[in-house]
Amino acid sequence: MVWIRHAEYDPRWPQLFEEQRARLRAALGARAGAIEHIGSTSVAGLAAKPIVDLIVAGIAPDDEAARLALEAAGYRVTVDEPGHRIYEPPALDVHVHLWSDPNDVERHLVFRDWLREHPEDRTLYEHVKRRLAQRPWQNSNDYAEAKTAVIETITRRARGMAAGPRVDRFAVLILERLPAQSRVLEIGAGEGLLAERLAAAGHDVVALDTALRSTFPVVLTRFEEYDAPAGSFDCVAAQLVLHHAGDLEATLEKVRRLVRPDGIVAIDDYGWERSDDPAFRADRNDLHRSDDMLRALRARFEQIAYFDHAYHGDGAGSDAIAFTFLGAPHRNTG
């Protein structure tokens, strides 16, 4: 087991990068393309493991001439995997990355540049790293894998893609129906956007997810493994999650058990078949259809409100594949 230790940002890290870049240039000459500083040590103010990461573009990981040149300059291979190789100097305070896919270079630069310019996501990323570092890991790769969810979340924003679930209208629909100071369970909280809005309105929110992507306190667990007494919540909510349920009937039965008899269930989701994108349908055809989800919901809950095109014309372009269902437990159900 290993513990991940972070150091506060050290202004000497950029200097170490410049020293290493000059050393690499001398070793590789014109063979190397751009040499870039990446990772947390490349973002001013961000706590990080005290290891400076660099990317050398334009050289394949299996380039034998590059290996000989780097070894002659004092570097040695410490990671050698398909499409990726890492070299380190004797001090082991630097990682020199070679990737075969240019997209790997680009994604690191996009992530770095975004964090440099967006303090809110820099804060989010540091928060997640510190939370994850509070427990031991089998190895550093497991820790790195645990960060994937928040990295993908931030990178999606950096690329100008959808900034996560569009929650504003969904939150309004829920808040219109909740008594003051209600207790809410959110399944699959993701970035914590809905949980934050409900908590800001004065509700007691328990947020579940299997990965940490939020500064909102998240219980790291699968819904199937979460345990609470029957009738614990005034509202159970889930957005863009139900279609992933392995056992839809069992999931909704547990939802019905957890919500109080006078409570509400709020589901905002989509079915793969609702898209006119063949690639999307091919990718999602192992998940639940909209009709299947709605049929199962209506079997257990009295419909309070239903909206097709759930996001109410917010211009996101994917509105037509979604629905919102709000319901109350059937009084005559089990």
Protein backbone atom coordinates (compact mmCIF):
# COMPACT_ATOMS: atom_id res chain seq x y z
CA MET A 1 0.00 0.00 0.00
CA VAL A 2 1.18 3.53 -0.74
CA TRP A 3 0.15 6.97 0.47
CA ILE A 4 0.10 9.87 -1.97
CA ARG A 5 1.86 12.94 -0.61
CA HIS A 6 1.23 16.37 -2.06
CA ALA A 7 3.47 19.38 -1.61
CA GLU A 8 2.32 22.98 -1.70
CA TYR A 9 3.10 24.71 -4.97
CA ASP A 10 6.83 25.37 -5.29
CA PRO A 11 7.87 28.33 -7.48
CA ARG A 12 11.09 26.44 -8.26
CA TRP A 13 9.18 23.88 -10.35
CA PRO A 14 9.12 26.05 -13.50
CA GLN A 15 12.87 26.57 -13.11
CA LEU A 16 13.42 22.81 -12.86
CA PHE A 17 11.35 22.40 -16.01
CA GLU A 18 13.48 24.92 -17.90
CA GLU A 19 16.66 23.15 -16.78
CA GLN A 20 15.29 19.80 -17.92
CA ARG A 21 14.08 21.20 -21.23
CA ALA A 22 17.57 22.53 -21.98
CA ARG A 23 19.06 19.16 -21.03
CA LEU A 24 16.62 17.30 -23.28
CA ARG A 25 17.23 19.69 -26.16
CA ALA A 26 20.95 19.07 -25.87
CA ALA A 27 20.40 15.31 -25.85
CA LEU A 28 17.80 15.07 -28.62
CA GLY A 29 18.57 18.07 -30.80
CA ALA A 30 16.28 18.71 -33.74
CA ARG A 31 14.68 15.26 -33.36
CA ALA A 32 12.41 16.59 -30.62
CA GLY A 33 9.38 18.72 -31.27
CA ALA A 34 7.88 20.91 -28.58
CA ILE A 35 8.91 20.14 -24.99
CA GLU A 36 6.10 21.15 -22.64
CA HIS A 37 5.62 21.31 -18.89
CA ILE A 38 2.44 19.41 -17.93
CA GLY A 39 0.76 18.08 -14.82
CA SER A 40 0.02 19.82 -11.56
CA THR A 41 3.51 21.29 -11.16
CA SER A 42 2.86 23.27 -14.36
CA VAL A 43 -0.08 25.17 -12.81
CA ALA A 44 0.87 28.01 -10.48
CA GLY A 45 -0.69 27.70 -7.05
CA LEU A 46 -1.71 24.05 -7.40
CA ALA A 47 -0.50 21.52 -4.82
CA ALA A 48 1.18 18.54 -6.42
CA LYS A 49 3.38 15.54 -6.00
CA PRO A 50 6.87 17.09 -6.25
CA ILE A 51 7.63 15.50 -9.62
CA VAL A 52 7.89 17.69 -12.71
CA ASP A 53 6.22 16.12 -15.76
CA LEU A 54 7.32 16.96 -19.28
CA ILE A 55 6.08 15.92 -22.71
CA VAL A 56 8.44 15.61 -25.65
CA ALA A 57 6.40 15.80 -28.84
CA GLY A 58 7.43 14.30 -32.13
CA ILE A 59 9.36 11.28 -30.82
CA ALA A 60 7.77 7.84 -30.64
CA PRO A 61 8.09 5.86 -27.39
CA ASP A 62 9.90 3.02 -29.17
CA ASP A 63 12.41 5.31 -30.94
CA GLU A 64 15.67 3.47 -30.32
CA ALA A 65 17.92 6.40 -31.24
CA ALA A 66 16.06 8.60 -28.78
CA ARG A 67 16.44 5.96 -26.07
CA LEU A 68 20.19 5.79 -26.59
CA ALA A 69 20.49 9.60 -26.57
CA LEU A 70 18.46 9.93 -23.38
CA GLU A 71 20.35 7.15 -21.62
CA ALA A 72 23.61 8.84 -22.58
CA ALA A 73 22.26 12.03 -20.96
CA GLY A 74 21.55 10.16 -17.72
CA TYR A 75 17.87 9.26 -18.13
CA ARG A 76 16.50 5.74 -17.77
CA VAL A 77 13.21 4.11 -18.71
CA THR A 78 10.95 3.57 -15.69
CA VAL A 79 7.61 2.98 -17.46
CA ASP A 80 7.30 1.15 -20.78
CA GLU A 81 3.76 0.39 -21.88
CA PRO A 82 1.98 0.32 -25.24
CA GLY A 83 2.05 3.81 -26.74
CA HIS A 84 3.77 5.41 -23.74
CA ARG A 85 7.21 5.53 -22.17
CA ILE A 86 8.55 7.49 -19.19
CA TYR A 87 12.20 8.42 -18.64
CA GLU A 88 13.58 9.70 -15.34
CA PRO A 89 16.88 11.27 -14.29
CA PRO A 90 18.84 9.89 -11.31
CA ALA A 91 17.16 12.30 -8.88
CA LEU A 92 13.73 10.79 -9.79
CA ASP A 93 12.17 14.25 -9.55
CA VAL A 94 11.21 14.45 -13.23
CA HIS A 95 9.05 12.35 -15.58
CA VAL A 96 9.76 12.70 -19.29
CA HIS A 97 6.79 11.35 -21.26
CA LEU A 98 6.83 10.08 -24.83
CA TRP A 99 3.43 9.23 -26.35
CA SER A 100 2.80 7.69 -29.73
CA ASP A 101 -0.62 9.31 -30.13
CA PRO A 102 -0.53 13.11 -30.66
CA ASN A 103 -3.95 13.28 -28.98
CA ASP A 104 -2.29 12.32 -25.70
CA VAL A 105 -0.03 15.33 -26.00
CA GLU A 106 -2.93 17.61 -26.89
CA ARG A 107 -5.20 16.50 -24.03
CA HIS A 108 -2.54 17.25 -21.43
CA LEU A 109 -1.95 20.71 -22.85
CA VAL A 110 -5.68 21.46 -22.99
CA PHE A 111 -6.08 20.40 -19.36
CA ARG A 112 -3.04 22.42 -18.22
CA ASP A 113 -4.02 25.59 -20.06
CA TRP A 114 -7.58 25.45 -18.74
CA LEU A 115 -6.47 25.06 -15.13
CA ARG A 116 -4.08 27.98 -15.50
CA GLU A 117 -6.94 30.26 -16.53
CA HIS A 118 -9.86 28.91 -14.45
CA PRO A 119 -9.35 29.05 -10.68
CA GLU A 120 -12.68 27.37 -9.92
CA ASP A 121 -11.64 24.19 -11.70
CA ARG A 122 -8.15 24.45 -10.26
CA THR A 123 -9.78 24.47 -6.81
CA LEU A 124 -11.98 21.52 -7.76
CA TYR A 125 -9.04 19.48 -9.01
CA GLU A 126 -6.97 20.17 -5.91
CA HIS A 127 -9.92 19.33 -3.66
CA VAL A 128 -10.38 15.97 -5.34
CA LYS A 129 -6.67 15.16 -5.17
CA ARG A 130 -6.50 15.98 -1.47
CA ARG A 131 -9.60 13.89 -0.74
CA LEU A 132 -8.19 10.92 -2.62
CA ALA A 133 -4.85 11.27 -0.86
CA GLN A 134 -6.54 10.71 2.49
CA ARG A 135 -6.52 6.95 1.96
CA PRO A 136 -3.88 4.41 0.96
CA TRP A 137 -3.66 2.93 -2.54
CA GLN A 138 -2.37 -0.33 -3.88
CA ASN A 139 -0.09 1.68 -6.16
CA SER A 140 0.19 5.12 -7.72
CA ASN A 141 -1.59 3.93 -10.87
CA ASP A 142 -4.74 3.23 -8.86
CA TYR A 143 -4.60 6.77 -7.48
CA ALA A 144 -4.15 8.16 -10.99
CA GLU A 145 -7.11 6.11 -12.21
CA ALA A 146 -9.28 7.50 -9.41
CA LYS A 147 -8.62 11.02 -10.70
CA THR A 148 -9.90 10.15 -14.17
CA ALA A 149 -13.48 11.23 -13.54
CA VAL A 150 -12.62 14.77 -12.45
CA ILE A 151 -10.00 15.14 -15.18
CA GLU A 152 -12.54 14.15 -17.82
CA THR A 153 -15.09 16.52 -16.33
CA ILE A 154 -12.69 19.46 -16.49
CA THR A 155 -11.35 18.52 -19.92
CA ARG A 156 -14.89 18.39 -21.29
CA ARG A 157 -15.39 21.98 -20.18
CA ALA A 158 -12.01 22.98 -21.58
CA ARG A 159 -12.97 21.61 -24.99
CA GLY A 160 -16.17 23.62 -24.99
CA MET A 161 -18.33 20.53 -24.80
CA ALA A 162 -21.37 20.08 -22.58
CA ALA A 163 -20.49 21.22 -19.08
CA GLY A 164 -22.00 18.20 -17.40
CA PRO A 165 -25.69 17.59 -16.66
CA ARG A 166 -27.84 20.67 -17.29
CA VAL A 167 -29.39 20.97 -13.88
CA ASP A 168 -30.98 24.39 -13.55
CA ARG A 169 -34.43 23.50 -14.83
CA PHE A 170 -34.39 20.11 -13.12
CA ALA A 171 -33.52 21.80 -9.82
CA VAL A 172 -36.38 24.27 -10.24
CA LEU A 173 -38.88 21.45 -10.87
CA ILE A 174 -37.75 19.70 -7.68
CA LEU A 175 -37.59 22.83 -5.54
CA GLU A 176 -41.13 23.82 -6.56
CA ARG A 177 -42.39 20.62 -4.93
CA LEU A 178 -40.18 20.18 -1.86
CA PRO A 179 -41.23 21.31 1.62
CA ALA A 180 -38.71 23.46 3.45
CA GLN A 181 -35.68 21.68 4.89
CA SER A 182 -36.38 18.40 3.15
CA ARG A 183 -33.97 15.49 3.18
CA VAL A 184 -32.84 14.57 -0.34
CA LEU A 185 -30.89 11.64 -1.73
CA GLU A 186 -29.19 12.24 -5.08
CA ILE A 187 -28.03 9.13 -6.93
CA GLY A 188 -25.03 9.66 -9.19
CA ALA A 189 -24.23 13.22 -8.12
CA GLY A 190 -21.44 13.64 -10.65
CA GLU A 191 -20.10 17.16 -10.41
CA GLY A 192 -22.38 17.95 -7.47
CA LEU A 193 -24.22 20.66 -9.41
CA LEU A 194 -27.73 19.57 -8.49
CA ALA A 195 -26.73 18.77 -4.91
CA GLU A 196 -25.22 22.23 -4.52
CA ARG A 197 -28.40 23.92 -5.73
CA LEU A 198 -30.66 21.90 -3.46
CA ALA A 199 -28.39 22.40 -0.45
CA ALA A 200 -28.19 26.14 -1.13
CA ALA A 201 -32.00 26.22 -0.91
CA GLY A 202 -31.80 24.85 2.63
CA HIS A 203 -32.27 21.13 2.05
CA ASP A 204 -30.28 18.32 3.66
CA VAL A 205 -28.67 16.53 0.71
CA VAL A 206 -26.94 13.16 0.67
CA ALA A 207 -25.08 12.76 -2.63
CA LEU A 208 -23.85 9.38 -3.92
CA ASP A 209 -21.35 8.63 -6.65
CA THR A 210 -18.66 6.09 -7.45
CA ALA A 211 -16.06 8.73 -8.33
CA LEU A 212 -15.12 12.09 -6.86
CA ARG A 213 -15.73 15.01 -9.22
CA SER A 214 -17.13 17.63 -6.90
CA THR A 215 -16.32 19.90 -4.00
CA PHE A 216 -19.77 19.03 -2.66
CA PRO A 217 -19.39 16.23 -0.07
CA VAL A 218 -20.04 12.98 -1.92
CA VAL A 219 -20.52 9.53 -0.42
CA LEU A 220 -18.33 7.30 -2.56
CA THR A 221 -20.49 4.23 -3.10
CA ARG A 222 -22.76 2.51 -5.58
CA PHE A 223 -26.46 3.00 -4.97
CA GLU A 224 -26.87 -0.77 -4.74
CA GLU A 225 -24.50 -0.77 -1.75
CA TYR A 226 -25.91 2.29 0.01
CA ASP A 227 -27.85 1.47 3.17
CA ALA A 228 -30.44 3.66 4.87
CA PRO A 229 -33.69 2.98 6.76
CA ALA A 230 -36.93 2.83 4.81
CA GLY A 231 -38.60 6.22 4.38
CA SER A 232 -35.39 8.17 5.06
CA PHE A 233 -35.86 10.81 2.36
CA ASP A 234 -38.42 13.36 1.25
CA CYS A 235 -37.00 13.15 -2.25
CA VAL A 236 -34.84 10.73 -4.23
CA ALA A 237 -33.41 12.32 -7.38
CA ALA A 238 -31.27 11.03 -10.24
CA GLN A 239 -30.13 12.74 -13.41
CA LEU A 240 -28.67 10.85 -16.36
CA VAL A 241 -28.13 7.78 -14.20
CA LEU A 242 -31.13 5.46 -14.34
CA HIS A 243 -30.41 4.23 -17.86
CA HIS A 244 -27.19 2.69 -16.47
CA ALA A 245 -28.97 0.63 -13.79
CA GLY A 246 -27.94 -3.00 -14.02
CA ASP A 247 -31.26 -4.18 -12.57
CA LEU A 248 -33.84 -1.49 -13.27
CA GLU A 249 -36.63 -3.13 -11.28
CA ALA A 250 -34.46 -3.65 -8.19
CA THR A 251 -33.12 -0.11 -8.39
CA LEU A 252 -36.58 1.44 -8.49
CA GLU A 253 -37.84 -0.84 -5.75
CA LYS A 254 -35.03 0.41 -3.53
CA VAL A 255 -35.87 4.01 -4.48
CA ARG A 256 -39.49 3.39 -3.50
CA ARG A 257 -38.39 1.96 -0.16
CA LEU A 258 -36.14 4.90 0.67
CA VAL A 259 -38.60 7.69 -0.16
CA ARG A 260 -41.28 8.61 2.36
CA PRO A 261 -44.93 7.85 1.50
CA ASP A 262 -45.61 11.56 0.93
CA GLY A 263 -42.26 12.17 -0.76
CA ILE A 264 -41.31 12.57 -4.40
CA VAL A 265 -39.08 10.82 -6.89
CA ALA A 266 -37.39 12.98 -9.54
CA ILE A 267 -35.79 11.29 -12.55
CA ASP A 268 -34.21 13.15 -15.45
CA ASP A 269 -32.85 10.78 -18.08
CA TYR A 270 -32.73 9.63 -21.68
CA GLY A 271 -32.99 6.44 -23.65
CA TRP A 272 -30.39 5.48 -26.22
CA GLU A 273 -33.05 4.84 -28.87
CA ARG A 274 -34.28 8.45 -28.72
CA SER A 275 -31.23 9.76 -30.55
CA ASP A 276 -31.03 10.24 -34.31
CA ASP A 277 -27.27 9.59 -34.11
CA PRO A 278 -26.54 5.99 -35.26
CA ALA A 279 -23.17 5.96 -33.48
CA PHE A 280 -24.84 6.96 -30.22
CA ARG A 281 -27.47 4.24 -30.61
CA ALA A 282 -24.84 1.62 -31.38
CA ASP A 283 -22.85 2.62 -28.32
CA ARG A 284 -25.85 2.69 -25.98
CA ASN A 285 -27.98 -0.22 -27.11
CA ASP A 286 -27.08 -2.28 -24.06
CA LEU A 287 -28.67 0.31 -21.77
CA HIS A 288 -32.32 0.98 -20.92
CA ARG A 289 -34.77 2.48 -23.34
CA SER A 290 -36.90 5.50 -22.43
CA ASP A 291 -40.08 3.43 -22.66
CA ASP A 292 -38.64 0.78 -20.35
CA MET A 293 -37.66 3.36 -17.76
CA LEU A 294 -40.98 5.19 -17.93
CA ARG A 295 -42.99 1.97 -17.74
CA ALA A 296 -41.06 0.88 -14.63
CA LEU A 297 -41.39 4.33 -13.05
CA ARG A 298 -45.14 4.53 -13.64
CA ALA A 299 -45.62 1.05 -12.21
CA ARG A 300 -44.28 2.20 -8.85
CA PHE A 301 -44.95 5.92 -8.71
CA GLU A 302 -47.96 8.12 -9.35
CA GLN A 303 -46.96 10.64 -11.98
CA ILE A 304 -46.89 14.20 -10.69
CA ALA A 305 -45.27 15.77 -13.72
CA TYR A 306 -43.77 14.61 -17.00
CA PHE A 307 -41.78 16.54 -19.59
CA ASP A 308 -40.43 15.34 -22.88
CA HIS A 309 -37.47 17.25 -24.29
CA ALA A 310 -36.54 17.55 -20.65
CA TYR A 311 -34.12 20.44 -20.73
CA HIS A 312 -36.71 22.89 -22.00
CA GLY A 313 -34.94 24.21 -25.06
CA ASP A 314 -31.69 25.25 -23.43
CA GLY A 315 -29.97 25.10 -26.81
CA ALA A 316 -27.77 22.13 -25.99
CA GLY A 317 -28.89 20.25 -29.08
CA SER A 318 -29.56 16.90 -27.39
CA ASP A 319 -32.86 17.85 -25.78
CA ALA A 320 -34.89 15.43 -27.87
CA ILE A 321 -33.39 12.33 -26.27
CA ALA A 322 -34.44 13.17 -22.70
CA PHE A 323 -37.43 13.12 -20.36
CA THR A 324 -38.17 14.30 -16.83
CA PHE A 325 -40.47 12.31 -14.55
CA LEU A 326 -41.62 13.38 -11.11
CA GLY A 327 -43.73 10.99 -9.09
CA ALA A 328 -45.00 9.96 -5.68
CA PRO A 329 -45.16 6.40 -4.30
CA HIS A 330 -48.43 4.65 -5.11
CA ARG A 331 -50.41 4.49 -1.91
CA ASN A 332 -51.44 0.90 -2.66
CA THR A 333 -47.95 -0.39 -3.44
CA GLY A 334 -46.51 -2.94 -1.02
